[in-house]
Amino acid sequence: MRAYEVMYVLRPNLDEEQITAQIERFNQLIRDQGGEVEQVSRWGKRRLAYEVKKFREGYYVLVYFRGRPQAAQELERVFKISDDVIRYLITRRVEKAVRQA
């Protein structure tokens, strides 16, 4: 399995229950695809550098996970059709090689 990190920005007008539900939905999607969520960091509401979909703020979430490439592709597909996600970025983490002496 490969190591990934995903940063996504949710609409700022969601309440706490909706934010928690969306985070759990995306984490469950990763698990359903055979991946495992390593860490979830809720950064909270922050100002965007520029206006995106008429929003000046967004709720930032950073997730580290391991999974097959299909898990990342499915997550991206769901982000694209989700109205609550205003931006996202999925990147593959580079794992440091262990050197043997």
PDB file of N, CA and C in Angstrom:
ATOM      1  N   MET A   1       0.841  -1.187   0.000  1.00  0.00           N
ATOM      2  CA  MET A   1       0.000   0.000   0.000  1.00  0.00           C
ATOM      3  C   MET A   1       0.885   1.248   0.000  1.00  0.00           C
ATOM      4  N   ARG A   2       0.397   2.262  -0.657  1.00  0.00           N
ATOM      5  CA  ARG A   2       1.125   3.518  -0.763  1.00  0.00           C
ATOM      6  C   ARG A   2       0.664   4.501   0.310  1.00  0.00           C
ATOM      7  N   ALA A   3       1.535   5.424   0.646  1.00  0.00           N
ATOM      8  CA  ALA A   3       1.215   6.454   1.637  1.00  0.00           C
ATOM      9  C   ALA A   3       0.752   7.715   0.904  1.00  0.00           C
ATOM     10  N   TYR A   4      -0.368   8.275   1.332  1.00  0.00           N
ATOM     11  CA  TYR A   4      -0.941   9.478   0.735  1.00  0.00           C
ATOM     12  C   TYR A   4      -1.252  10.498   1.816  1.00  0.00           C
ATOM     13  N   GLU A   5      -1.365  11.735   1.378  1.00  0.00           N
ATOM     14  CA  GLU A   5      -1.952  12.756   2.232  1.00  0.00           C
ATOM     15  C   GLU A   5      -2.951  13.521   1.388  1.00  0.00           C
ATOM     16  N   VAL A   6      -4.029  13.904   2.015  1.00  0.00           N
ATOM     17  CA  VAL A   6      -5.061  14.666   1.318  1.00  0.00           C
ATOM     18  C   VAL A   6      -5.442  15.863   2.181  1.00  0.00           C
ATOM     19  N   MET A   7      -5.477  17.019   1.542  1.00  0.00           N
ATOM     20  CA  MET A   7      -5.957  18.237   2.191  1.00  0.00           C
ATOM     21  C   MET A   7      -7.221  18.628   1.447  1.00  0.00           C
ATOM     22  N   TYR A   8      -8.288  18.803   2.198  1.00  0.00           N
ATOM     23  CA  TYR A   8      -9.500  19.287   1.546  1.00  0.00           C
ATOM     24  C   TYR A   8     -10.114  20.406   2.360  1.00  0.00           C
ATOM     25  N   VAL A   9     -10.859  21.253   1.661  1.00  0.00           N
ATOM     26  CA  VAL A   9     -11.477  22.427   2.262  1.00  0.00           C
ATOM     27  C   VAL A   9     -12.984  22.292   2.096  1.00  0.00           C
ATOM     28  N   LEU A  10     -13.683  22.318   3.224  1.00  0.00           N
ATOM     29  CA  LEU A  10     -15.138  22.223   3.228  1.00  0.00           C
ATOM     30  C   LEU A  10     -15.746  23.619   3.275  1.00  0.00           C
ATOM     31  N   ARG A  11     -16.993  23.717   2.851  1.00  0.00           N
ATOM     32  CA  ARG A  11     -17.709  24.999   2.898  1.00  0.00           C
ATOM     33  C   ARG A  11     -17.722  25.528   4.342  1.00  0.00           C
ATOM     34  N   PRO A  12     -17.518  26.821   4.540  1.00  0.00           N
ATOM     35  CA  PRO A  12     -17.450  27.368   5.898  1.00  0.00           C
ATOM     36  C   PRO A  12     -18.805  27.469   6.590  1.00  0.00           C
ATOM     37  N   ASN A  13     -19.888  27.372   5.838  1.00  0.00           N
ATOM     38  CA  ASN A  13     -21.216  27.534   6.436  1.00  0.00           C
ATOM     39  C   ASN A  13     -21.811  26.216   6.947  1.00  0.00           C
ATOM     40  N   LEU A  14     -21.013  25.140   6.982  1.00  0.00           N
ATOM     41  CA  LEU A  14     -21.483  23.874   7.546  1.00  0.00           C
ATOM     42  C   LEU A  14     -21.389  23.945   9.068  1.00  0.00           C
ATOM     43  N   ASP A  15     -22.348  23.320   9.758  1.00  0.00           N
ATOM     44  CA  ASP A  15     -22.241  23.278  11.213  1.00  0.00           C
ATOM     45  C   ASP A  15     -21.335  22.112  11.629  1.00  0.00           C
ATOM     46  N   GLU A  16     -21.029  22.031  12.923  1.00  0.00           N
ATOM     47  CA  GLU A  16     -20.065  21.049  13.431  1.00  0.00           C
ATOM     48  C   GLU A  16     -20.489  19.613  13.127  1.00  0.00           C
ATOM     49  N   GLU A  17     -21.777  19.315  13.239  1.00  0.00           N
ATOM     50  CA  GLU A  17     -22.270  17.962  12.943  1.00  0.00           C
ATOM     51  C   GLU A  17     -22.066  17.594  11.482  1.00  0.00           C
ATOM     52  N   GLN A  18     -22.336  18.527  10.593  1.00  0.00           N
ATOM     53  CA  GLN A  18     -22.159  18.276   9.162  1.00  0.00           C
ATOM     54  C   GLN A  18     -20.686  18.085   8.813  1.00  0.00           C
ATOM     55  N   ILE A  19     -19.818  18.877   9.441  1.00  0.00           N
ATOM     56  CA  ILE A  19     -18.377  18.738   9.195  1.00  0.00           C
ATOM     57  C   ILE A  19     -17.905  17.364   9.650  1.00  0.00           C
ATOM     58  N   THR A  20     -18.304  16.965  10.858  1.00  0.00           N
ATOM     59  CA  THR A  20     -17.921  15.659  11.381  1.00  0.00           C
ATOM     60  C   THR A  20     -18.446  14.543  10.488  1.00  0.00           C
ATOM     61  N   ALA A  21     -19.671  14.677  10.006  1.00  0.00           N
ATOM     62  CA  ALA A  21     -20.265  13.662   9.128  1.00  0.00           C
ATOM     63  C   ALA A  21     -19.485  13.556   7.811  1.00  0.00           C
ATOM     64  N   GLN A  22     -19.082  14.684   7.245  1.00  0.00           N
ATOM     65  CA  GLN A  22     -18.326  14.659   5.991  1.00  0.00           C
ATOM     66  C   GLN A  22     -16.946  14.027   6.189  1.00  0.00           C
ATOM     67  N   ILE A  23     -16.281  14.379   7.285  1.00  0.00           N
ATOM     68  CA  ILE A  23     -14.965  13.807   7.564  1.00  0.00           C
ATOM     69  C   ILE A  23     -15.076  12.297   7.721  1.00  0.00           C
ATOM     70  N   GLU A  24     -16.078  11.849   8.463  1.00  0.00           N
ATOM     71  CA  GLU A  24     -16.268  10.408   8.665  1.00  0.00           C
ATOM     72  C   GLU A  24     -16.636   9.717   7.351  1.00  0.00           C
ATOM     73  N   ARG A  25     -17.412  10.377   6.525  1.00  0.00           N
ATOM     74  CA  ARG A  25     -17.795   9.820   5.218  1.00  0.00           C
ATOM     75  C   ARG A  25     -16.555   9.550   4.360  1.00  0.00           C
ATOM     76  N   PHE A  26     -15.651  10.539   4.295  1.00  0.00           N
ATOM     77  CA  PHE A  26     -14.444  10.378   3.482  1.00  0.00           C
ATOM     78  C   PHE A  26     -13.501   9.343   4.085  1.00  0.00           C
ATOM     79  N   ASN A  27     -13.392   9.308   5.408  1.00  0.00           N
ATOM     80  CA  ASN A  27     -12.546   8.299   6.063  1.00  0.00           C
ATOM     81  C   ASN A  27     -13.100   6.899   5.820  1.00  0.00           C
ATOM     82  N   GLN A  28     -14.411   6.749   5.871  1.00  0.00           N
ATOM     83  CA  GLN A  28     -15.040   5.442   5.624  1.00  0.00           C
ATOM     84  C   GLN A  28     -14.830   5.016   4.174  1.00  0.00           C
ATOM     85  N   LEU A  29     -14.852   5.960   3.259  1.00  0.00           N
ATOM     86  CA  LEU A  29     -14.611   5.647   1.854  1.00  0.00           C
ATOM     87  C   LEU A  29     -13.208   5.071   1.672  1.00  0.00           C
ATOM     88  N   ILE A  30     -12.228   5.646   2.364  1.00  0.00           N
ATOM     89  CA  ILE A  30     -10.852   5.128   2.299  1.00  0.00           C
ATOM     90  C   ILE A  30     -10.818   3.702   2.838  1.00  0.00           C
ATOM     91  N   ARG A  31     -11.465   3.468   3.978  1.00  0.00           N
ATOM     92  CA  ARG A  31     -11.487   2.123   4.577  1.00  0.00           C
ATOM     93  C   ARG A  31     -12.219   1.130   3.683  1.00  0.00           C
ATOM     94  N   ASP A  32     -13.298   1.552   3.047  1.00  0.00           N
ATOM     95  CA  ASP A  32     -14.055   0.670   2.154  1.00  0.00           C
ATOM     96  C   ASP A  32     -13.224   0.239   0.946  1.00  0.00           C
ATOM     97  N   GLN A  33     -12.264   1.057   0.558  1.00  0.00           N
ATOM     98  CA  GLN A  33     -11.394   0.741  -0.576  1.00  0.00           C
ATOM     99  C   GLN A  33     -10.161  -0.057  -0.144  1.00  0.00           C
ATOM    100  N   GLY A  34     -10.157  -0.527   1.104  1.00  0.00           N
ATOM    101  CA  GLY A  34      -9.046  -1.344   1.595  1.00  0.00           C
ATOM    102  C   GLY A  34      -7.901  -0.546   2.181  1.00  0.00           C
ATOM    103  N   GLY A  35      -8.092   0.751   2.384  1.00  0.00           N
ATOM    104  CA  GLY A  35      -7.036   1.598   2.944  1.00  0.00           C
ATOM    105  C   GLY A  35      -7.194   1.751   4.446  1.00  0.00           C
ATOM    106  N   GLU A  36      -6.239   2.448   5.047  1.00  0.00           N
ATOM    107  CA  GLU A  36      -6.321   2.723   6.470  1.00  0.00           C
ATOM    108  C   GLU A  36      -5.962   4.182   6.717  1.00  0.00           C
ATOM    109  N   VAL A  37      -6.779   4.826   7.534  1.00  0.00           N
ATOM    110  CA  VAL A  37      -6.563   6.225   7.887  1.00  0.00           C
ATOM    111  C   VAL A  37      -5.575   6.259   9.046  1.00  0.00           C
ATOM    112  N   GLU A  38      -4.468   6.978   8.851  1.00  0.00           N
ATOM    113  CA  GLU A  38      -3.439   7.055   9.882  1.00  0.00           C
ATOM    114  C   GLU A  38      -3.654   8.222  10.833  1.00  0.00           C
ATOM    115  N   GLN A  39      -4.009   9.389  10.274  1.00  0.00           N
ATOM    116  CA  GLN A  39      -4.150  10.575  11.106  1.00  0.00           C
ATOM    117  C   GLN A  39      -5.097  11.560  10.431  1.00  0.00           C
ATOM    118  N   VAL A  40      -5.929  12.214  11.244  1.00  0.00           N
ATOM    119  CA  VAL A  40      -6.835  13.253  10.754  1.00  0.00           C
ATOM    120  C   VAL A  40      -6.562  14.513  11.567  1.00  0.00           C
ATOM    121  N   SER A  41      -6.224  15.599  10.886  1.00  0.00           N
ATOM    122  CA  SER A  41      -5.982  16.883  11.549  1.00  0.00           C
ATOM    123  C   SER A  41      -7.030  17.872  11.078  1.00  0.00           C
ATOM    124  N   ARG A  42      -7.817  18.349  12.021  1.00  0.00           N
ATOM    125  CA  ARG A  42      -8.817  19.370  11.707  1.00  0.00           C
ATOM    126  C   ARG A  42      -8.176  20.725  11.964  1.00  0.00           C
ATOM    127  N   TRP A  43      -7.902  21.446  10.901  1.00  0.00           N
ATOM    128  CA  TRP A  43      -7.259  22.748  11.044  1.00  0.00           C
ATOM    129  C   TRP A  43      -8.261  23.839  11.368  1.00  0.00           C
ATOM    130  N   GLY A  44      -9.516  23.581  11.086  1.00  0.00           N
ATOM    131  CA  GLY A  44     -10.555  24.559  11.391  1.00  0.00           C
ATOM    132  C   GLY A  44     -10.775  25.554  10.270  1.00  0.00           C
ATOM    133  N   LYS A  45     -11.536  26.586  10.606  1.00  0.00           N
ATOM    134  CA  LYS A  45     -11.907  27.587   9.610  1.00  0.00           C
ATOM    135  C   LYS A  45     -10.760  28.575   9.427  1.00  0.00           C
ATOM    136  N   ARG A  46     -10.370  28.761   8.161  1.00  0.00           N
ATOM    137  CA  ARG A  46      -9.285  29.678   7.828  1.00  0.00           C
ATOM    138  C   ARG A  46      -9.652  30.484   6.592  1.00  0.00           C
ATOM    139  N   ARG A  47      -9.007  31.601   6.471  1.00  0.00           N
ATOM    140  CA  ARG A  47      -9.233  32.472   5.319  1.00  0.00           C
ATOM    141  C   ARG A  47      -8.509  31.892   4.103  1.00  0.00           C
ATOM    142  N   LEU A  48      -9.180  31.899   2.967  1.00  0.00           N
ATOM    143  CA  LEU A  48      -8.588  31.433   1.710  1.00  0.00           C
ATOM    144  C   LEU A  48      -7.731  32.546   1.102  1.00  0.00           C
ATOM    145  N   ALA A  49      -6.750  32.178   0.325  1.00  0.00           N
ATOM    146  CA  ALA A  49      -5.883  33.158  -0.328  1.00  0.00           C
ATOM    147  C   ALA A  49      -6.663  33.967  -1.373  1.00  0.00           C
ATOM    148  N   TYR A  50      -7.664  33.338  -1.968  1.00  0.00           N
ATOM    149  CA  TYR A  50      -8.496  34.011  -2.953  1.00  0.00           C
ATOM    150  C   TYR A  50      -9.881  33.379  -2.908  1.00  0.00           C
ATOM    151  N   GLU A  51     -10.844  34.049  -3.480  1.00  0.00           N
ATOM    152  CA  GLU A  51     -12.230  33.576  -3.448  1.00  0.00           C
ATOM    153  C   GLU A  51     -12.386  32.308  -4.296  1.00  0.00           C
ATOM    154  N   VAL A  52     -13.024  31.294  -3.698  1.00  0.00           N
ATOM    155  CA  VAL A  52     -13.273  30.030  -4.378  1.00  0.00           C
ATOM    156  C   VAL A  52     -14.758  29.725  -4.240  1.00  0.00           C
ATOM    157  N   LYS A  53     -15.437  29.587  -5.364  1.00  0.00           N
ATOM    158  CA  LYS A  53     -16.873  29.305  -5.385  1.00  0.00           C
ATOM    159  C   LYS A  53     -17.648  30.276  -4.489  1.00  0.00           C
ATOM    160  N   LYS A  54     -17.247  31.547  -4.536  1.00  0.00           N
ATOM    161  CA  LYS A  54     -17.865  32.652  -3.789  1.00  0.00           C
ATOM    162  C   LYS A  54     -17.648  32.571  -2.281  1.00  0.00           C
ATOM    163  N   PHE A  55     -16.669  31.783  -1.832  1.00  0.00           N
ATOM    164  CA  PHE A  55     -16.328  31.695  -0.412  1.00  0.00           C
ATOM    165  C   PHE A  55     -14.964  32.338  -0.184  1.00  0.00           C
ATOM    166  N   ARG A  56     -14.822  33.084   0.910  1.00  0.00           N
ATOM    167  CA  ARG A  56     -13.548  33.685   1.299  1.00  0.00           C
ATOM    168  C   ARG A  56     -12.886  32.905   2.425  1.00  0.00           C
ATOM    169  N   GLU A  57     -13.644  31.978   3.060  1.00  0.00           N
ATOM    170  CA  GLU A  57     -13.126  31.130   4.126  1.00  0.00           C
ATOM    171  C   GLU A  57     -13.465  29.687   3.816  1.00  0.00           C
ATOM    172  N   GLY A  58     -12.809  28.774   4.516  1.00  0.00           N
ATOM    173  CA  GLY A  58     -13.106  27.363   4.359  1.00  0.00           C
ATOM    174  C   GLY A  58     -12.653  26.603   5.593  1.00  0.00           C
ATOM    175  N   TYR A  59     -13.194  25.406   5.774  1.00  0.00           N
ATOM    176  CA  TYR A  59     -12.823  24.541   6.896  1.00  0.00           C
ATOM    177  C   TYR A  59     -11.817  23.520   6.376  1.00  0.00           C
ATOM    178  N   TYR A  60     -10.580  23.607   6.843  1.00  0.00           N
ATOM    179  CA  TYR A  60      -9.481  22.774   6.354  1.00  0.00           C
ATOM    180  C   TYR A  60      -9.370  21.471   7.137  1.00  0.00           C
ATOM    181  N   VAL A  61      -9.135  20.373   6.402  1.00  0.00           N
ATOM    182  CA  VAL A  61      -8.916  19.055   7.001  1.00  0.00           C
ATOM    183  C   VAL A  61      -7.734  18.404   6.283  1.00  0.00           C
ATOM    184  N   LEU A  62      -6.798  17.860   7.070  1.00  0.00           N
ATOM    185  CA  LEU A  62      -5.631  17.160   6.532  1.00  0.00           C
ATOM    186  C   LEU A  62      -5.697  15.713   7.004  1.00  0.00           C
ATOM    187  N   VAL A  63      -5.588  14.770   6.053  1.00  0.00           N
ATOM    188  CA  VAL A  63      -5.681  13.345   6.381  1.00  0.00           C
ATOM    189  C   VAL A  63      -4.468  12.617   5.787  1.00  0.00           C
ATOM    190  N   TYR A  64      -3.822  11.814   6.626  1.00  0.00           N
ATOM    191  CA  TYR A  64      -2.766  10.904   6.176  1.00  0.00           C
ATOM    192  C   TYR A  64      -3.370   9.507   6.118  1.00  0.00           C
ATOM    193  N   PHE A  65      -3.171   8.831   4.990  1.00  0.00           N
ATOM    194  CA  PHE A  65      -3.709   7.482   4.885  1.00  0.00           C
ATOM    195  C   PHE A  65      -2.824   6.610   4.009  1.00  0.00           C
ATOM    196  N   ARG A  66      -3.038   5.308   4.113  1.00  0.00           N
ATOM    197  CA  ARG A  66      -2.359   4.327   3.273  1.00  0.00           C
ATOM    198  C   ARG A  66      -3.428   3.595   2.486  1.00  0.00           C
ATOM    199  N   GLY A  67      -3.124   3.312   1.233  1.00  0.00           N
ATOM    200  CA  GLY A  67      -4.091   2.599   0.418  1.00  0.00           C
ATOM    201  C   GLY A  67      -3.544   2.330  -0.970  1.00  0.00           C
ATOM    202  N   ARG A  68      -4.336   1.621  -1.730  1.00  0.00           N
ATOM    203  CA  ARG A  68      -3.982   1.366  -3.126  1.00  0.00           C
ATOM    204  C   ARG A  68      -4.333   2.605  -3.950  1.00  0.00           C
ATOM    205  N   PRO A  69      -3.777   2.718  -5.142  1.00  0.00           N
ATOM    206  CA  PRO A  69      -4.093   3.866  -5.997  1.00  0.00           C
ATOM    207  C   PRO A  69      -5.601   4.010  -6.264  1.00  0.00           C
ATOM    208  N   GLN A  70      -6.325   2.887  -6.291  1.00  0.00           N
ATOM    209  CA  GLN A  70      -7.771   2.951  -6.528  1.00  0.00           C
ATOM    210  C   GLN A  70      -8.483   3.725  -5.416  1.00  0.00           C
ATOM    211  N   ALA A  71      -7.971   3.648  -4.184  1.00  0.00           N
ATOM    212  CA  ALA A  71      -8.580   4.379  -3.066  1.00  0.00           C
ATOM    213  C   ALA A  71      -8.452   5.885  -3.293  1.00  0.00           C
ATOM    214  N   ALA A  72      -7.285   6.328  -3.729  1.00  0.00           N
ATOM    215  CA  ALA A  72      -7.075   7.749  -4.004  1.00  0.00           C
ATOM    216  C   ALA A  72      -7.936   8.207  -5.187  1.00  0.00           C
ATOM    217  N   GLN A  73      -8.060   7.360  -6.199  1.00  0.00           N
ATOM    218  CA  GLN A  73      -8.883   7.715  -7.361  1.00  0.00           C
ATOM    219  C   GLN A  73     -10.354   7.830  -6.985  1.00  0.00           C
ATOM    220  N   GLU A  74     -10.831   6.915  -6.159  1.00  0.00           N
ATOM    221  CA  GLU A  74     -12.234   6.957  -5.730  1.00  0.00           C
ATOM    222  C   GLU A  74     -12.487   8.177  -4.850  1.00  0.00           C
ATOM    223  N   LEU A  75     -11.543   8.491  -3.969  1.00  0.00           N
ATOM    224  CA  LEU A  75     -11.675   9.665  -3.122  1.00  0.00           C
ATOM    225  C   LEU A  75     -11.749  10.930  -3.972  1.00  0.00           C
ATOM    226  N   GLU A  76     -10.909  11.015  -4.986  1.00  0.00           N
ATOM    227  CA  GLU A  76     -10.933  12.174  -5.881  1.00  0.00           C
ATOM    228  C   GLU A  76     -12.259  12.267  -6.635  1.00  0.00           C
ATOM    229  N   ARG A  77     -12.781  11.135  -7.078  1.00  0.00           N
ATOM    230  CA  ARG A  77     -14.063  11.119  -7.787  1.00  0.00           C
ATOM    231  C   ARG A  77     -15.181  11.657  -6.889  1.00  0.00           C
ATOM    232  N   VAL A  78     -15.182  11.238  -5.628  1.00  0.00           N
ATOM    233  CA  VAL A  78     -16.223  11.685  -4.701  1.00  0.00           C
ATOM    234  C   VAL A  78     -16.061  13.170  -4.364  1.00  0.00           C
ATOM    235  N   PHE A  79     -14.811  13.625  -4.216  1.00  0.00           N
ATOM    236  CA  PHE A  79     -14.576  15.054  -3.966  1.00  0.00           C
ATOM    237  C   PHE A  79     -15.134  15.907  -5.100  1.00  0.00           C
ATOM    238  N   LYS A  80     -14.950  15.445  -6.338  1.00  0.00           N
ATOM    239  CA  LYS A  80     -15.412  16.211  -7.497  1.00  0.00           C
ATOM    240  C   LYS A  80     -16.920  16.395  -7.519  1.00  0.00           C
ATOM    241  N   ILE A  81     -17.670  15.406  -7.053  1.00  0.00           N
ATOM    242  CA  ILE A  81     -19.131  15.492  -7.120  1.00  0.00           C
ATOM    243  C   ILE A  81     -19.751  15.982  -5.816  1.00  0.00           C
ATOM    244  N   SER A  82     -18.945  16.201  -4.793  1.00  0.00           N
ATOM    245  CA  SER A  82     -19.458  16.663  -3.500  1.00  0.00           C
ATOM    246  C   SER A  82     -19.604  18.187  -3.503  1.00  0.00           C
ATOM    247  N   ASP A  83     -20.786  18.659  -3.148  1.00  0.00           N
ATOM    248  CA  ASP A  83     -21.038  20.099  -3.085  1.00  0.00           C
ATOM    249  C   ASP A  83     -20.371  20.749  -1.878  1.00  0.00           C
ATOM    250  N   ASP A  84     -20.071  19.962  -0.844  1.00  0.00           N
ATOM    251  CA  ASP A  84     -19.503  20.518   0.387  1.00  0.00           C
ATOM    252  C   ASP A  84     -17.995  20.728   0.305  1.00  0.00           C
ATOM    253  N   VAL A  85     -17.327  20.136  -0.671  1.00  0.00           N
ATOM    254  CA  VAL A  85     -15.873  20.290  -0.829  1.00  0.00           C
ATOM    255  C   VAL A  85     -15.624  21.385  -1.855  1.00  0.00           C
ATOM    256  N   ILE A  86     -14.901  22.435  -1.426  1.00  0.00           N
ATOM    257  CA  ILE A  86     -14.640  23.525  -2.369  1.00  0.00           C
ATOM    258  C   ILE A  86     -13.243  23.426  -2.986  1.00  0.00           C
ATOM    259  N   ARG A  87     -12.316  22.729  -2.331  1.00  0.00           N
ATOM    260  CA  ARG A  87     -10.984  22.474  -2.890  1.00  0.00           C
ATOM    261  C   ARG A  87     -10.433  21.207  -2.252  1.00  0.00           C
ATOM    262  N   TYR A  88      -9.538  20.528  -2.986  1.00  0.00           N
ATOM    263  CA  TYR A  88      -8.875  19.343  -2.439  1.00  0.00           C
ATOM    264  C   TYR A  88      -7.564  19.129  -3.173  1.00  0.00           C
ATOM    265  N   LEU A  89      -6.658  18.403  -2.526  1.00  0.00           N
ATOM    266  CA  LEU A  89      -5.402  18.017  -3.151  1.00  0.00           C
ATOM    267  C   LEU A  89      -4.956  16.707  -2.522  1.00  0.00           C
ATOM    268  N   ILE A  90      -4.769  15.700  -3.362  1.00  0.00           N
ATOM    269  CA  ILE A  90      -4.295  14.394  -2.912  1.00  0.00           C
ATOM    270  C   ILE A  90      -2.872  14.230  -3.437  1.00  0.00           C
ATOM    271  N   THR A  91      -1.930  13.955  -2.542  1.00  0.00           N
ATOM    272  CA  THR A  91      -0.549  13.745  -2.954  1.00  0.00           C
ATOM    273  C   THR A  91      -0.020  12.453  -2.350  1.00  0.00           C
ATOM    274  N   ARG A  92       0.914  11.865  -3.052  1.00  0.00           N
ATOM    275  CA  ARG A  92       1.560  10.648  -2.563  1.00  0.00           C
ATOM    276  C   ARG A  92       2.757  11.063  -1.719  1.00  0.00           C
ATOM    277  N   ARG A  93       2.836  10.543  -0.508  1.00  0.00           N
ATOM    278  CA  ARG A  93       3.955  10.863   0.380  1.00  0.00           C
ATOM    279  C   ARG A  93       5.167  10.030   0.005  1.00  0.00           C
ATOM    280  N   VAL A  94       6.319  10.630   0.103  1.00  0.00           N
ATOM    281  CA  VAL A  94       7.564   9.925  -0.152  1.00  0.00           C
ATOM    282  C   VAL A  94       8.021   9.318   1.165  1.00  0.00           C
ATOM    283  N   GLU A  95       8.169   8.015   1.163  1.00  0.00           N
ATOM    284  CA  GLU A  95       8.619   7.335   2.362  1.00  0.00           C
ATOM    285  C   GLU A  95      10.134   7.274   2.344  1.00  0.00           C
ATOM    286  N   LYS A  96      10.729   7.587   3.466  1.00  0.00           N
ATOM    287  CA  LYS A  96      12.181   7.591   3.557  1.00  0.00           C
ATOM    288  C   LYS A  96      12.692   6.147   3.570  1.00  0.00           C
ATOM    289  N   ALA A  97      13.673   5.909   2.733  1.00  0.00           N
ATOM    290  CA  ALA A  97      14.265   4.577   2.656  1.00  0.00           C
ATOM    291  C   ALA A  97      15.181   4.376   3.868  1.00  0.00           C
ATOM    292  N   VAL A  98      15.140   3.193   4.418  1.00  0.00           N
ATOM    293  CA  VAL A  98      15.992   2.849   5.536  1.00  0.00           C
ATOM    294  C   VAL A  98      17.320   2.335   4.990  1.00  0.00           C
ATOM    295  N   ARG A  99      18.390   2.966   5.393  1.00  0.00           N
ATOM    296  CA  ARG A  99      19.712   2.557   4.896  1.00  0.00           C
ATOM    297  C   ARG A  99      20.300   1.524   5.841  1.00  0.00           C
ATOM    298  N   GLN A 100      20.816   0.499   5.258  1.00  0.00           N
ATOM    299  CA  GLN A 100      21.470  -0.534   6.049  1.00  0.00           C
ATOM    300  C   GLN A 100      22.969  -0.420   5.872  1.00  0.00           C
ATOM    301  N   ALA A 101      23.689  -0.441   6.980  1.00  0.00           N
ATOM    302  CA  ALA A 101      25.146  -0.302   6.921  1.00  0.00           C
ATOM    303  C   ALA A 101      25.831  -1.649   6.896  1.00  0.00           C
TER     304      ALA A 101
END
